[in-house]
Amino acid sequence: MPRPKKLIPAYRLHKQSGQAIVTVSQNGVRKEMTLGKYDSPESKEEYQRVLTNLAAGRSSTEAPVDLTVNEL
């Protein structure tokens, strides 16, 4: 029996760099995002922003893209 998928991605330490990271998966593509120095208030704030974007269904890995008139 396969292990159930976690609904919330984990906040964890990247040992080599000392950075906080989180792995997000959207549309079948996994991406590790660095959040800043591990256990810092800034990295925890960025982690909360990523979780909020995931819950809202927005992509947390891409910057907003400007649309052209033709695309609209």
Protein backbone atom coordinates (compact mmCIF):
# COMPACT_ATOMS: atom_id res chain seq x y z
CA MET A 1 0.00 0.00 0.00
CA PRO A 2 1.54 3.36 -1.01
CA ARG A 3 2.26 6.00 1.54
CA PRO A 4 -0.31 8.85 1.50
CA LYS A 5 0.86 12.18 0.07
CA LYS A 6 1.47 15.04 2.46
CA LEU A 7 -0.89 17.92 1.97
CA ILE A 8 1.44 20.55 3.41
CA PRO A 9 5.05 20.72 2.17
CA ALA A 10 7.67 20.60 4.92
CA TYR A 11 9.87 23.51 6.03
CA ARG A 12 13.33 21.97 6.27
CA LEU A 13 17.05 22.66 6.43
CA HIS A 14 19.42 22.38 3.47
CA LYS A 15 22.49 21.32 5.45
CA GLN A 16 25.16 22.36 2.96
CA SER A 17 23.99 25.95 2.62
CA GLY A 18 22.21 26.53 5.93
CA GLN A 19 19.16 27.72 4.00
CA ALA A 20 15.54 26.82 4.67
CA ILE A 21 13.91 25.03 1.74
CA VAL A 22 10.48 23.76 0.75
CA THR A 23 9.60 21.47 -2.16
CA VAL A 24 6.43 22.36 -4.03
CA SER A 25 4.75 20.30 -6.71
CA GLN A 26 2.41 21.78 -9.29
CA ASN A 27 1.26 20.20 -12.52
CA GLY A 28 3.49 17.20 -11.82
CA VAL A 29 6.66 19.30 -11.61
CA ARG A 30 8.58 19.39 -8.32
CA LYS A 31 10.71 22.40 -7.46
CA GLU A 32 12.80 23.21 -4.40
CA MET A 33 12.55 26.81 -3.27
CA THR A 34 15.02 28.49 -0.93
CA LEU A 35 13.40 30.65 1.72
CA GLY A 36 16.38 32.31 3.41
CA LYS A 37 18.51 31.50 6.44
CA TYR A 38 17.04 28.54 8.33
CA ASP A 39 14.90 29.39 11.39
CA SER A 40 14.95 33.13 10.67
CA PRO A 41 11.73 35.19 10.85
CA GLU A 42 12.12 36.11 7.17
CA SER A 43 12.31 32.47 6.04
CA LYS A 44 9.26 31.53 8.11
CA GLU A 45 7.35 34.48 6.65
CA GLU A 46 8.31 33.36 3.12
CA TYR A 47 7.21 29.81 3.96
CA GLN A 48 3.80 31.10 5.04
CA ARG A 49 3.53 33.08 1.79
CA VAL A 50 4.28 29.93 -0.23
CA LEU A 51 1.65 27.95 1.69
CA THR A 52 -0.91 30.73 1.19
CA ASN A 53 -0.26 30.79 -2.56
CA LEU A 54 -0.56 27.00 -2.78
CA ALA A 55 -3.85 27.03 -0.85
CA ALA A 56 -5.22 29.73 -3.16
CA GLY A 57 -4.21 27.71 -6.22
CA ARG A 58 -1.68 30.25 -7.41
CA SER A 59 1.76 29.26 -8.59
CA SER A 60 4.29 30.07 -5.89
CA THR A 61 7.28 29.39 -8.13
CA GLU A 62 6.61 31.88 -10.90
CA ALA A 63 6.43 35.65 -10.94
CA PRO A 64 3.28 37.24 -12.32
CA VAL A 65 3.38 37.59 -16.09
CA ASP A 66 2.12 40.64 -17.95
CA LEU A 67 -0.48 39.79 -20.58
CA THR A 68 -0.49 41.29 -24.03
CA VAL A 69 -3.70 42.52 -25.63
CA ASN A 70 -3.74 39.48 -27.95
CA GLU A 71 -3.41 37.05 -25.03
CA LEU A 72 -6.23 38.75 -23.18
